[in-house]
Amino acid sequence: MSILNIIKTRRSTRKYKQTPIPEDVFLRVIEAARLAPSGKNFQPWKFIIVKKQALKEKLAEASRGQKFIAQAAVVIVACAYPEQSYQNQGNYMQSWSIDVTCALDHLMLQAQEEGLGTCWIGAFEEEKVKPILNIPDNVKVLALTPLGYPDEEPRDRGRKPLAEIISYDSY
């Protein structure tokens, strides 16, 4: 499938089959994250792969009770090391949130290519997630995603037309 078709067909999956993910498929998905670009190539990320059901259920609860998260074969918790990121993005910010977002997006697109579903989880409470997984204070949790075989055909939520989101040569 072409990358544009992968992007066009990816949807947020909120219902998963109990089918395990073959190791070779899983490793390709993780490899896509590893290869993502980052500011000054610092790669300030760590991905916690959660397979234990009890931990997945705790993460679902820490994510505003979104129980579907625990249905997936795996939950991936995308973490960042702010002090290890490029410190001068735009001359006003650190790059860690952009860097980890790029890596997680690569992961999600490769998951789509492999027939797996994902869902960007931004509705979580970091102060509840960190103790579940023993995440140190200096590490930030950017997002979570369940990863597994979809047990639904998620609906298309639509996108704004191109004319609404671009301009040429000036704002």
C-alpha atoms as a PDB file:
ATOM      1  CA  MET A   1       0.000   0.000   0.000  1.00  0.00           C
ATOM      2  CA  SER A   2       1.287   3.507  -0.710  1.00  0.00           C
ATOM      3  CA  ILE A   3       1.996   5.795   2.229  1.00  0.00           C
ATOM      4  CA  LEU A   4      -0.827   8.135   1.181  1.00  0.00           C
ATOM      5  CA  ASN A   5      -3.293   5.223   1.149  1.00  0.00           C
ATOM      6  CA  ILE A   6      -2.082   4.135   4.578  1.00  0.00           C
ATOM      7  CA  ILE A   7      -2.652   7.669   5.864  1.00  0.00           C
ATOM      8  CA  LYS A   8      -6.085   7.873   4.203  1.00  0.00           C
ATOM      9  CA  THR A   9      -7.287   4.564   5.663  1.00  0.00           C
ATOM     10  CA  ARG A  10      -5.937   4.828   9.225  1.00  0.00           C
ATOM     11  CA  ARG A  11      -8.670   5.294  11.817  1.00  0.00           C
ATOM     12  CA  SER A  12      -8.836   5.319  15.604  1.00  0.00           C
ATOM     13  CA  THR A  13      -9.740   1.799  16.694  1.00  0.00           C
ATOM     14  CA  ARG A  14     -11.729   1.411  19.894  1.00  0.00           C
ATOM     15  CA  LYS A  15     -12.565  -2.304  19.747  1.00  0.00           C
ATOM     16  CA  TYR A  16      -9.952  -5.071  19.492  1.00  0.00           C
ATOM     17  CA  LYS A  17      -9.842  -8.817  18.891  1.00  0.00           C
ATOM     18  CA  GLN A  18      -7.973 -10.990  21.382  1.00  0.00           C
ATOM     19  CA  THR A  19      -5.598 -12.149  18.629  1.00  0.00           C
ATOM     20  CA  PRO A  20      -1.906 -12.000  19.575  1.00  0.00           C
ATOM     21  CA  ILE A  21       0.441  -9.969  17.380  1.00  0.00           C
ATOM     22  CA  PRO A  22       3.161 -12.075  15.703  1.00  0.00           C
ATOM     23  CA  GLU A  23       6.653 -11.038  16.832  1.00  0.00           C
ATOM     24  CA  ASP A  24       7.878 -10.127  13.326  1.00  0.00           C
ATOM     25  CA  VAL A  25       4.863  -7.851  12.795  1.00  0.00           C
ATOM     26  CA  PHE A  26       5.336  -6.236  16.186  1.00  0.00           C
ATOM     27  CA  LEU A  27       9.038  -5.616  15.554  1.00  0.00           C
ATOM     28  CA  ARG A  28       8.309  -3.883  12.225  1.00  0.00           C
ATOM     29  CA  VAL A  29       5.865  -1.578  13.994  1.00  0.00           C
ATOM     30  CA  ILE A  30       8.409  -0.699  16.679  1.00  0.00           C
ATOM     31  CA  GLU A  31      11.169  -0.309  14.095  1.00  0.00           C
ATOM     32  CA  ALA A  32       9.090   2.365  12.351  1.00  0.00           C
ATOM     33  CA  ALA A  33       9.103   4.406  15.572  1.00  0.00           C
ATOM     34  CA  ARG A  34      12.841   3.927  16.023  1.00  0.00           C
ATOM     35  CA  LEU A  35      13.533   5.320  12.558  1.00  0.00           C
ATOM     36  CA  ALA A  36      11.549   8.541  13.045  1.00  0.00           C
ATOM     37  CA  PRO A  37      13.285  11.917  12.747  1.00  0.00           C
ATOM     38  CA  SER A  38      13.989  14.054  15.797  1.00  0.00           C
ATOM     39  CA  GLY A  39      15.547  17.435  16.550  1.00  0.00           C
ATOM     40  CA  LYS A  40      19.340  17.151  16.096  1.00  0.00           C
ATOM     41  CA  ASN A  41      18.718  13.365  15.888  1.00  0.00           C
ATOM     42  CA  PHE A  42      18.691  13.167  19.701  1.00  0.00           C
ATOM     43  CA  GLN A  43      15.877  10.557  19.709  1.00  0.00           C
ATOM     44  CA  PRO A  44      14.660  11.549  23.193  1.00  0.00           C
ATOM     45  CA  TRP A  45      12.131   8.745  23.561  1.00  0.00           C
ATOM     46  CA  LYS A  46      11.340   5.459  25.208  1.00  0.00           C
ATOM     47  CA  PHE A  47       8.362   3.239  24.427  1.00  0.00           C
ATOM     48  CA  ILE A  48       7.014   1.072  27.215  1.00  0.00           C
ATOM     49  CA  ILE A  49       5.387  -2.053  25.799  1.00  0.00           C
ATOM     50  CA  VAL A  50       2.646  -3.199  28.150  1.00  0.00           C
ATOM     51  CA  LYS A  51       1.373  -6.765  27.726  1.00  0.00           C
ATOM     52  CA  LYS A  52       0.230  -7.696  31.246  1.00  0.00           C
ATOM     53  CA  GLN A  53      -3.555  -7.519  31.452  1.00  0.00           C
ATOM     54  CA  ALA A  54      -3.594  -6.075  34.974  1.00  0.00           C
ATOM     55  CA  LEU A  55      -1.328  -3.214  33.902  1.00  0.00           C
ATOM     56  CA  LYS A  56      -3.385  -2.547  30.756  1.00  0.00           C
ATOM     57  CA  GLU A  57      -6.511  -2.302  32.913  1.00  0.00           C
ATOM     58  CA  LYS A  58      -4.802   0.168  35.271  1.00  0.00           C
ATOM     59  CA  LEU A  59      -3.686   2.253  32.282  1.00  0.00           C
ATOM     60  CA  ALA A  60      -7.254   2.247  30.929  1.00  0.00           C
ATOM     61  CA  GLU A  61      -8.493   3.511  34.290  1.00  0.00           C
ATOM     62  CA  ALA A  62      -5.762   6.214  34.334  1.00  0.00           C
ATOM     63  CA  SER A  63      -6.970   7.191  30.857  1.00  0.00           C
ATOM     64  CA  ARG A  64     -10.331   8.467  32.061  1.00  0.00           C
ATOM     65  CA  GLY A  65     -11.785   4.971  32.229  1.00  0.00           C
ATOM     66  CA  GLN A  66     -11.467   4.220  28.502  1.00  0.00           C
ATOM     67  CA  LYS A  67     -11.856   0.457  28.968  1.00  0.00           C
ATOM     68  CA  PHE A  68     -11.256  -0.383  25.308  1.00  0.00           C
ATOM     69  CA  ILE A  69      -7.565   0.369  25.848  1.00  0.00           C
ATOM     70  CA  ALA A  70      -7.183  -2.819  27.894  1.00  0.00           C
ATOM     71  CA  GLN A  71      -8.793  -4.953  25.122  1.00  0.00           C
ATOM     72  CA  ALA A  72      -5.787  -4.581  22.811  1.00  0.00           C
ATOM     73  CA  ALA A  73      -2.970  -7.126  22.717  1.00  0.00           C
ATOM     74  CA  VAL A  74      -0.503  -4.402  23.710  1.00  0.00           C
ATOM     75  CA  VAL A  75      -0.579  -0.861  25.041  1.00  0.00           C
ATOM     76  CA  ILE A  76       2.337   1.347  24.076  1.00  0.00           C
ATOM     77  CA  VAL A  77       3.217   4.248  26.343  1.00  0.00           C
ATOM     78  CA  ALA A  78       5.258   6.891  24.538  1.00  0.00           C
ATOM     79  CA  CYS A  79       7.671   8.671  26.871  1.00  0.00           C
ATOM     80  CA  ALA A  80      10.133  11.524  26.407  1.00  0.00           C
ATOM     81  CA  TYR A  81      13.346  12.716  27.984  1.00  0.00           C
ATOM     82  CA  PRO A  82      12.971  16.519  27.842  1.00  0.00           C
ATOM     83  CA  GLU A  83      16.557  17.163  28.985  1.00  0.00           C
ATOM     84  CA  GLN A  84      17.844  14.974  26.136  1.00  0.00           C
ATOM     85  CA  SER A  85      15.884  16.801  23.448  1.00  0.00           C
ATOM     86  CA  TYR A  86      16.887  19.716  21.243  1.00  0.00           C
ATOM     87  CA  GLN A  87      16.473  22.747  23.498  1.00  0.00           C
ATOM     88  CA  ASN A  88      16.038  25.508  20.914  1.00  0.00           C
ATOM     89  CA  GLN A  89      13.131  24.477  18.667  1.00  0.00           C
ATOM     90  CA  GLY A  90      11.892  27.689  17.052  1.00  0.00           C
ATOM     91  CA  ASN A  91      14.189  29.505  19.450  1.00  0.00           C
ATOM     92  CA  TYR A  92      11.542  29.182  22.174  1.00  0.00           C
ATOM     93  CA  MET A  93      10.847  25.548  23.077  1.00  0.00           C
ATOM     94  CA  GLN A  94      12.187  22.038  23.533  1.00  0.00           C
ATOM     95  CA  SER A  95      11.583  19.536  20.728  1.00  0.00           C
ATOM     96  CA  TRP A  96      10.623  16.466  22.797  1.00  0.00           C
ATOM     97  CA  SER A  97       6.867  16.623  22.209  1.00  0.00           C
ATOM     98  CA  ILE A  98       7.357  16.971  18.454  1.00  0.00           C
ATOM     99  CA  ASP A  99      10.012  14.239  18.361  1.00  0.00           C
ATOM    100  CA  VAL A 100       7.933  11.683  20.234  1.00  0.00           C
ATOM    101  CA  THR A 101       4.857  12.593  18.193  1.00  0.00           C
ATOM    102  CA  CYS A 102       6.780  11.881  14.971  1.00  0.00           C
ATOM    103  CA  ALA A 103       7.918   8.514  16.309  1.00  0.00           C
ATOM    104  CA  LEU A 104       4.463   7.516  17.516  1.00  0.00           C
ATOM    105  CA  ASP A 105       2.921   8.580  14.208  1.00  0.00           C
ATOM    106  CA  HIS A 106       5.430   6.425  12.321  1.00  0.00           C
ATOM    107  CA  LEU A 107       4.489   3.534  14.608  1.00  0.00           C
ATOM    108  CA  MET A 108       0.773   4.055  13.986  1.00  0.00           C
ATOM    109  CA  LEU A 109       1.195   4.221  10.219  1.00  0.00           C
ATOM    110  CA  GLN A 110       3.247   1.012  10.160  1.00  0.00           C
ATOM    111  CA  ALA A 111       0.590  -0.607  12.352  1.00  0.00           C
ATOM    112  CA  GLN A 112      -2.006   0.319   9.715  1.00  0.00           C
ATOM    113  CA  GLU A 113       0.171  -1.245   7.022  1.00  0.00           C
ATOM    114  CA  GLU A 114       0.332  -4.445   9.113  1.00  0.00           C
ATOM    115  CA  GLY A 115      -3.456  -4.610   9.560  1.00  0.00           C
ATOM    116  CA  LEU A 116      -3.313  -3.472  13.186  1.00  0.00           C
ATOM    117  CA  GLY A 117      -5.417  -0.825  14.864  1.00  0.00           C
ATOM    118  CA  THR A 118      -4.295   2.024  17.100  1.00  0.00           C
ATOM    119  CA  CYS A 119      -5.861   4.995  18.835  1.00  0.00           C
ATOM    120  CA  TRP A 120      -3.953   8.082  19.943  1.00  0.00           C
ATOM    121  CA  ILE A 121      -4.726   8.409  23.649  1.00  0.00           C
ATOM    122  CA  GLY A 122      -4.145  11.910  24.929  1.00  0.00           C
ATOM    123  CA  ALA A 123      -6.894  11.721  27.568  1.00  0.00           C
ATOM    124  CA  PHE A 124      -4.823  10.296  30.415  1.00  0.00           C
ATOM    125  CA  GLU A 125      -3.521  11.516  33.748  1.00  0.00           C
ATOM    126  CA  GLU A 126       0.259  11.437  33.773  1.00  0.00           C
ATOM    127  CA  GLU A 127       0.419  11.440  37.562  1.00  0.00           C
ATOM    128  CA  LYS A 128      -1.593   8.183  37.539  1.00  0.00           C
ATOM    129  CA  VAL A 129       0.230   6.536  34.610  1.00  0.00           C
ATOM    130  CA  LYS A 130       3.742   7.092  35.948  1.00  0.00           C
ATOM    131  CA  PRO A 131       3.442   5.024  39.150  1.00  0.00           C
ATOM    132  CA  ILE A 132       1.747   2.144  37.307  1.00  0.00           C
ATOM    133  CA  LEU A 133       4.863   1.688  35.153  1.00  0.00           C
ATOM    134  CA  ASN A 134       7.530   3.068  37.513  1.00  0.00           C
ATOM    135  CA  ILE A 135       8.281   5.998  35.203  1.00  0.00           C
ATOM    136  CA  PRO A 136      10.876   8.382  36.723  1.00  0.00           C
ATOM    137  CA  ASP A 137      10.047  12.002  37.530  1.00  0.00           C
ATOM    138  CA  ASN A 138      12.326  13.392  34.795  1.00  0.00           C
ATOM    139  CA  VAL A 139      10.448  11.475  32.075  1.00  0.00           C
ATOM    140  CA  LYS A 140       7.286  12.847  30.440  1.00  0.00           C
ATOM    141  CA  VAL A 141       4.429  10.683  29.157  1.00  0.00           C
ATOM    142  CA  LEU A 142       3.266  12.114  25.843  1.00  0.00           C
ATOM    143  CA  ALA A 143       0.599   9.625  24.729  1.00  0.00           C
ATOM    144  CA  LEU A 144      -0.549   6.030  24.817  1.00  0.00           C
ATOM    145  CA  THR A 145      -1.884   3.803  22.093  1.00  0.00           C
ATOM    146  CA  PRO A 146      -3.525   0.426  22.220  1.00  0.00           C
ATOM    147  CA  LEU A 147      -2.170  -1.863  19.499  1.00  0.00           C
ATOM    148  CA  GLY A 148      -4.033  -4.881  18.207  1.00  0.00           C
ATOM    149  CA  TYR A 149      -6.216  -6.370  15.514  1.00  0.00           C
ATOM    150  CA  PRO A 150      -9.383  -4.293  15.044  1.00  0.00           C
ATOM    151  CA  ASP A 151     -12.744  -5.825  15.854  1.00  0.00           C
ATOM    152  CA  GLU A 152     -14.621  -2.987  14.196  1.00  0.00           C
ATOM    153  CA  GLU A 153     -14.588  -0.831  11.088  1.00  0.00           C
ATOM    154  CA  PRO A 154     -14.071   2.661  12.560  1.00  0.00           C
ATOM    155  CA  ARG A 155     -16.010   5.437  10.898  1.00  0.00           C
ATOM    156  CA  ASP A 156     -14.416   8.166   8.825  1.00  0.00           C
ATOM    157  CA  ARG A 157     -14.469  11.325  10.905  1.00  0.00           C
ATOM    158  CA  GLY A 158     -13.730  13.595   7.943  1.00  0.00           C
ATOM    159  CA  ARG A 159     -11.077  16.215   7.385  1.00  0.00           C
ATOM    160  CA  LYS A 160     -11.188  19.907   6.549  1.00  0.00           C
ATOM    161  CA  PRO A 161     -10.775  20.743   2.863  1.00  0.00           C
ATOM    162  CA  LEU A 162      -7.263  21.677   1.759  1.00  0.00           C
ATOM    163  CA  ALA A 163      -8.341  25.264   0.992  1.00  0.00           C
ATOM    164  CA  GLU A 164      -9.109  25.788   4.710  1.00  0.00           C
ATOM    165  CA  ILE A 165      -5.698  24.738   5.973  1.00  0.00           C
ATOM    166  CA  ILE A 166      -3.143  26.164   3.543  1.00  0.00           C
ATOM    167  CA  SER A 167      -2.100  29.520   2.132  1.00  0.00           C
ATOM    168  CA  TYR A 168       0.631  30.458  -0.315  1.00  0.00           C
ATOM    169  CA  ASP A 169       3.455  32.919   0.281  1.00  0.00           C
ATOM    170  CA  SER A 170       1.912  34.565   3.366  1.00  0.00           C
ATOM    171  CA  TYR A 171      -0.510  33.855   6.167  1.00  0.00           C
END
